[in-house]
Amino acid sequence: MNKIPSFFFERPDKKQIHFEIIKKAEQGSSADHIGRFIHHRHEFVLVMFVRKGTTMQMVDSESCQVAANQVLIVPQGCVHCEDYSHYQGYIFLFTYNFFSSEQYKTLQNFSILNPLSPRKVLDIGADFNINPFLEVMLREYAKEYQPHYALSLQSMLFSLLIMLESLSQHQSLQPVFLIKEKQIYKNFVQSLEKSYETNRSAAFYAQAINVSIKKLNQTLLNNTGKTASQIITDRVMLEAKRYLCYADNSIKEIAAQLNFEDEFYFSRVFKKKTGLSPSAFRQKYALKSM
């Protein structure tokens, strides 16, 4: 079974921090080391700020055009590449190791960092001008490594992500989870990420996070409009799309990897969900993605 290439975070210098800011010039790019035109699975988070020009980014087979005064967030685990690039701006790369344990717990609840959340380009124009804050971050980042250097950047990046999460909720009108329901959702997503290839039963995940199926479905319906079974299927289909677009495995191999009885059952489920057979989906989208 061929795997989609994974790109891991690696700084180009000796600064011992899991955070990097890359300045992107309109002509050419200093970001070649993150594989601009090679489809790859992110083992880090990428936040792209565009100040001038435009770029077309592919995220999990979806085309995302990002223009001036917009930001695109590519969560960890997504498959990504750059289709077209003619812009000026900045790319922020980081792993969760950069944050404290308490900050990490908070970030786990952010929709902008959830690969299952709808992909959305955010507007950071006049109503939400974060450019002054970015300028402060860039000046701080450019300093020589010194005591409290990492702590200062950690605090700023955490604050920036809070701003972007608030902006996302405002622009997409996403529902705000109750605290208890947020914990249930977080636990469900974490359990799903670990087991979606082998378990597609809502009862399995309810037991894994110690809630009843009724409570799990009620929480998910209230906040996402979907049942546990629907979200589980969405996650499995997302991985199937990734393999169809970015790997050359046969449909039979993909079905086996995702624990379907056979390729025919997998094809029926896939077509019911997407409207296309796996082969038709690959033919339509893989040529754009490879």
Protein backbone atom coordinates (compact mmCIF):
# COMPACT_ATOMS: atom_id res chain seq x y z
CA MET A 1 0.00 0.00 0.00
CA ASN A 2 1.63 3.21 -1.15
CA LYS A 3 1.47 6.05 1.30
CA ILE A 4 0.99 9.75 0.68
CA PRO A 5 4.32 11.47 1.47
CA SER A 6 4.42 13.05 4.91
CA PHE A 7 6.28 16.29 5.54
CA PHE A 8 7.55 16.86 9.07
CA PHE A 9 8.45 20.12 10.71
CA GLU A 10 12.15 20.97 10.38
CA ARG A 11 13.68 24.37 10.98
CA PRO A 12 16.38 25.62 8.58
CA ASP A 13 18.50 26.95 11.48
CA LYS A 14 19.55 26.00 15.00
CA LYS A 15 16.74 27.73 16.89
CA GLN A 16 15.20 25.04 19.06
CA ILE A 17 11.56 26.00 18.61
CA HIS A 18 8.71 24.29 16.75
CA PHE A 19 7.64 27.46 14.97
CA GLU A 20 8.79 29.14 11.77
CA ILE A 21 7.74 32.19 9.76
CA ILE A 22 8.51 32.19 6.04
CA LYS A 23 8.33 35.39 4.02
CA LYS A 24 6.83 34.79 0.59
CA ALA A 25 7.89 37.08 -2.24
CA GLU A 26 5.66 37.50 -5.28
CA GLN A 27 8.32 36.14 -7.61
CA GLY A 28 9.67 32.77 -6.56
CA SER A 29 9.39 31.38 -3.07
CA SER A 30 11.52 30.75 -0.04
CA ALA A 31 9.12 27.97 0.97
CA ASP A 32 10.38 25.26 -1.38
CA HIS A 33 11.41 23.05 1.54
CA ILE A 34 7.74 22.45 2.41
CA GLY A 35 7.13 20.93 -1.02
CA ARG A 36 5.07 23.59 -2.72
CA PHE A 37 4.09 21.55 -5.77
CA ILE A 38 4.27 18.05 -4.28
CA HIS A 39 1.17 16.70 -2.63
CA HIS A 40 2.07 15.86 0.94
CA ARG A 41 0.42 15.17 4.26
CA HIS A 42 1.17 17.83 6.87
CA GLU A 43 2.58 16.74 10.21
CA PHE A 44 2.38 20.38 11.28
CA VAL A 45 -0.07 23.27 10.94
CA LEU A 46 0.29 25.83 8.15
CA VAL A 47 -1.23 29.32 8.31
CA MET A 48 -0.91 31.39 5.14
CA PHE A 49 -1.40 35.16 5.17
CA VAL A 50 -1.69 36.82 1.75
CA ARG A 51 -1.02 40.55 1.60
CA LYS A 52 -0.81 41.06 -2.15
CA GLY A 53 -1.59 38.97 -5.22
CA THR A 54 -3.31 35.61 -5.24
CA THR A 55 -2.55 31.91 -4.86
CA MET A 56 -4.38 28.65 -5.49
CA GLN A 57 -3.89 25.98 -2.84
CA MET A 58 -5.13 22.39 -2.96
CA VAL A 59 -6.28 21.02 0.42
CA ASP A 60 -7.68 17.49 0.47
CA SER A 61 -8.69 17.68 -3.23
CA GLU A 62 -10.42 21.05 -2.75
CA SER A 63 -9.18 24.15 -4.56
CA CYS A 64 -8.82 27.16 -2.26
CA GLN A 65 -8.11 30.55 -3.83
CA VAL A 66 -6.50 32.92 -1.35
CA ALA A 67 -6.32 36.60 -2.26
CA ALA A 68 -5.05 39.78 -0.60
CA ASN A 69 -6.11 40.26 3.03
CA GLN A 70 -7.12 36.63 3.38
CA VAL A 71 -5.76 33.73 5.38
CA LEU A 72 -5.86 29.99 4.80
CA ILE A 73 -5.33 27.50 7.62
CA VAL A 74 -4.23 23.97 6.73
CA PRO A 75 -4.63 21.73 9.81
CA GLN A 76 -2.21 18.98 10.71
CA GLY A 77 -2.99 15.75 8.85
CA CYS A 78 -4.40 17.38 5.71
CA VAL A 79 -2.99 16.70 2.25
CA HIS A 80 -1.81 19.92 0.65
CA CYS A 81 0.07 21.42 -2.27
CA GLU A 82 0.38 24.75 -4.03
CA ASP A 83 -1.14 24.83 -7.54
CA TYR A 84 -0.47 28.46 -8.39
CA SER A 85 1.55 31.09 -6.61
CA HIS A 86 1.92 34.78 -7.35
CA TYR A 87 1.55 36.53 -4.04
CA GLN A 88 3.32 38.31 -1.22
CA GLY A 89 2.72 37.34 2.36
CA TYR A 90 3.81 35.04 5.15
CA ILE A 91 3.57 31.37 5.97
CA PHE A 92 3.49 30.32 9.61
CA LEU A 93 4.45 26.72 10.38
CA PHE A 94 4.18 25.16 13.82
CA THR A 95 3.60 21.94 15.71
CA TYR A 96 1.65 21.54 18.92
CA ASN A 97 4.90 20.89 20.77
CA PHE A 98 5.45 24.63 20.64
CA PHE A 99 2.65 25.21 23.16
CA SER A 100 2.15 24.52 26.83
CA SER A 101 -0.10 21.63 27.84
CA GLU A 102 -2.87 24.03 28.84
CA GLN A 103 -2.64 25.93 25.57
CA TYR A 104 -2.71 22.64 23.66
CA LYS A 105 -5.93 21.59 25.44
CA THR A 106 -7.53 24.86 24.35
CA LEU A 107 -6.35 24.52 20.74
CA GLN A 108 -7.84 21.03 20.50
CA ASN A 109 -11.27 22.67 20.61
CA PHE A 110 -10.61 25.09 17.74
CA SER A 111 -12.58 24.40 14.58
CA ILE A 112 -9.91 26.08 12.43
CA LEU A 113 -7.44 23.36 13.47
CA ASN A 114 -9.84 20.45 12.94
CA PRO A 115 -9.29 18.61 9.61
CA LEU A 116 -12.97 17.62 9.63
CA SER A 117 -14.23 21.21 9.71
CA PRO A 118 -15.28 22.78 6.39
CA ARG A 119 -12.35 24.39 4.65
CA LYS A 120 -12.75 28.17 4.75
CA VAL A 121 -10.59 31.06 3.67
CA LEU A 122 -10.93 33.86 6.20
CA ASP A 123 -11.08 37.57 5.40
CA ILE A 124 -8.80 39.75 7.52
CA GLY A 125 -9.69 43.11 5.99
CA ALA A 126 -10.98 46.34 7.49
CA ASP A 127 -13.32 44.69 10.01
CA PHE A 128 -10.56 42.49 11.37
CA ASN A 129 -7.21 44.10 10.74
CA ILE A 130 -4.53 41.96 12.35
CA ASN A 131 -1.67 43.46 10.36
CA PRO A 132 -0.39 45.55 13.31
CA PHE A 133 -0.30 42.41 15.46
CA LEU A 134 1.51 40.49 12.69
CA GLU A 135 4.10 43.27 12.43
CA VAL A 136 4.87 42.92 16.14
CA MET A 137 5.20 39.15 15.76
CA LEU A 138 7.52 39.50 12.77
CA ARG A 139 9.80 41.91 14.64
CA GLU A 140 9.91 39.59 17.64
CA TYR A 141 10.62 36.57 15.44
CA ALA A 142 13.52 38.37 13.70
CA LYS A 143 15.37 38.87 16.99
CA GLU A 144 18.31 36.75 18.02
CA TYR A 145 17.51 33.80 20.23
CA GLN A 146 17.56 34.95 23.86
CA PRO A 147 15.92 34.16 27.21
CA HIS A 148 12.12 34.20 26.91
CA TYR A 149 12.32 34.36 23.09
CA ALA A 150 10.27 31.18 22.63
CA LEU A 151 7.86 32.09 25.42
CA SER A 152 7.15 35.47 23.84
CA LEU A 153 6.45 33.94 20.41
CA GLN A 154 4.39 31.16 21.96
CA SER A 155 2.15 33.71 23.66
CA MET A 156 1.76 35.75 20.48
CA LEU A 157 0.98 32.76 18.27
CA PHE A 158 -1.56 31.45 20.78
CA SER A 159 -3.26 34.87 20.83
CA LEU A 160 -3.26 35.00 17.03
CA LEU A 161 -4.96 31.60 16.80
CA ILE A 162 -7.61 32.74 19.27
CA MET A 163 -8.28 35.75 17.01
CA LEU A 164 -8.56 33.54 13.93
CA GLU A 165 -10.89 31.10 15.69
CA SER A 166 -13.14 33.98 16.72
CA LEU A 167 -13.07 35.34 13.18
CA SER A 168 -13.95 31.92 11.77
CA GLN A 169 -16.95 31.59 14.06
CA HIS A 170 -18.09 35.10 13.14
CA GLN A 171 -17.74 34.65 9.37
CA SER A 172 -19.20 31.16 9.16
CA LEU A 173 -21.77 31.63 11.94
CA GLN A 174 -20.66 28.36 13.50
CA PRO A 175 -22.55 27.32 16.63
CA VAL A 176 -20.77 27.79 19.93
CA PHE A 177 -20.47 24.52 21.85
CA LEU A 178 -21.49 24.33 25.47
CA ILE A 179 -18.45 23.49 27.62
CA LYS A 180 -19.58 19.93 28.38
CA GLU A 181 -20.59 19.29 24.76
CA LYS A 182 -17.27 20.68 23.54
CA GLN A 183 -15.44 18.08 25.64
CA ILE A 184 -17.60 15.28 24.23
CA TYR A 185 -16.95 16.46 20.68
CA LYS A 186 -13.21 16.77 21.28
CA ASN A 187 -13.02 13.27 22.76
CA PHE A 188 -15.05 11.87 19.88
CA VAL A 189 -12.81 13.46 17.22
CA GLN A 190 -9.64 12.26 18.98
CA SER A 191 -10.99 8.72 19.22
CA LEU A 192 -12.15 8.84 15.61
CA GLU A 193 -8.71 9.90 14.36
CA LYS A 194 -7.18 6.88 16.08
CA SER A 195 -9.68 4.29 14.90
CA TYR A 196 -11.55 5.39 11.76
CA GLU A 197 -9.77 2.82 9.59
CA THR A 198 -10.85 -0.11 11.74
CA ASN A 199 -14.07 0.95 13.48
CA ARG A 200 -17.13 2.59 11.91
CA SER A 201 -19.61 1.85 14.69
CA ALA A 202 -21.09 4.79 16.61
CA ALA A 203 -21.43 2.45 19.61
CA PHE A 204 -17.67 1.85 19.60
CA TYR A 205 -16.91 5.58 19.88
CA ALA A 206 -19.61 6.21 22.46
CA GLN A 207 -18.12 3.47 24.63
CA ALA A 208 -14.59 4.75 24.00
CA ILE A 209 -15.44 8.20 25.38
CA ASN A 210 -17.81 6.91 28.07
CA VAL A 211 -21.10 8.43 26.92
CA SER A 212 -24.32 6.88 25.65
CA ILE A 213 -25.00 6.72 21.93
CA LYS A 214 -28.04 8.93 22.48
CA LYS A 215 -25.95 11.59 24.23
CA LEU A 216 -23.23 11.43 21.58
CA ASN A 217 -25.69 11.81 18.70
CA GLN A 218 -27.59 14.57 20.48
CA THR A 219 -24.38 16.53 21.07
CA LEU A 220 -23.21 16.13 17.48
CA LEU A 221 -26.61 16.95 15.98
CA ASN A 222 -26.94 20.07 18.13
CA ASN A 223 -23.55 21.39 17.07
CA THR A 224 -22.75 19.97 13.63
CA GLY A 225 -26.12 18.90 12.24
CA LYS A 226 -24.79 15.38 11.76
CA THR A 227 -24.99 12.10 13.66
CA ALA A 228 -21.95 10.15 14.81
CA SER A 229 -22.38 7.66 11.97
CA GLN A 230 -22.46 10.48 9.40
CA ILE A 231 -19.28 12.06 10.77
CA ILE A 232 -17.55 8.68 10.88
CA THR A 233 -18.47 8.09 7.24
CA ASP A 234 -17.27 11.60 6.33
CA ARG A 235 -13.88 10.87 7.90
CA VAL A 236 -13.51 7.55 6.09
CA MET A 237 -14.55 9.11 2.79
CA LEU A 238 -12.07 11.95 3.29
CA GLU A 239 -9.24 9.43 3.59
CA ALA A 240 -10.56 7.54 0.57
CA LYS A 241 -10.51 10.76 -1.48
CA ARG A 242 -6.93 11.40 -0.40
CA TYR A 243 -5.82 7.97 -1.59
CA LEU A 244 -7.73 8.28 -4.86
CA CYS A 245 -6.27 11.72 -5.62
CA TYR A 246 -2.74 11.47 -4.30
CA ALA A 247 -1.71 7.80 -4.40
CA ASP A 248 -1.71 5.18 -7.14
CA ASN A 249 -3.19 2.35 -5.09
CA SER A 250 -5.90 0.25 -6.67
CA ILE A 251 -9.47 0.63 -5.51
CA LYS A 252 -9.25 -2.86 -4.05
CA GLU A 253 -6.20 -1.85 -1.98
CA ILE A 254 -7.90 1.32 -0.75
CA ALA A 255 -11.00 -0.64 0.25
CA ALA A 256 -8.85 -3.08 2.22
CA GLN A 257 -6.89 -0.27 3.90
CA LEU A 258 -10.14 1.32 5.06
CA ASN A 259 -11.50 -2.02 6.28
CA PHE A 260 -14.36 -2.49 3.81
CA GLU A 261 -15.55 -6.02 3.09
CA ASP A 262 -14.59 -5.70 -0.56
CA GLU A 263 -14.06 -3.12 -3.28
CA PHE A 264 -17.66 -3.40 -4.47
CA TYR A 265 -19.15 -2.45 -1.10
CA PHE A 266 -16.61 0.37 -0.82
CA SER A 267 -17.60 1.63 -4.28
CA ARG A 268 -21.31 1.63 -3.37
CA VAL A 269 -20.71 3.59 -0.17
CA PHE A 270 -18.37 6.03 -1.92
CA LYS A 271 -20.79 6.70 -4.78
CA LYS A 272 -23.71 7.17 -2.39
CA LYS A 273 -21.68 9.74 -0.47
CA THR A 274 -20.01 11.63 -3.33
CA GLY A 275 -22.22 10.96 -6.34
CA LEU A 276 -19.25 9.46 -8.20
CA SER A 277 -17.72 6.00 -8.30
CA PRO A 278 -14.14 5.81 -6.95
CA SER A 279 -12.75 5.43 -10.48
CA ALA A 280 -14.80 8.38 -11.77
CA PHE A 281 -13.72 10.50 -8.80
CA ARG A 282 -10.07 9.64 -9.45
CA GLN A 283 -10.40 10.44 -13.14
CA LYS A 284 -12.07 13.78 -12.42
CA TYR A 285 -9.84 15.03 -9.60
CA ALA A 286 -6.52 13.15 -9.68
CA LEU A 287 -5.34 14.75 -12.92
CA LYS A 288 -5.78 18.17 -11.34
CA SER A 289 -3.98 17.07 -8.23
CA MET A 290 -1.01 15.06 -9.47
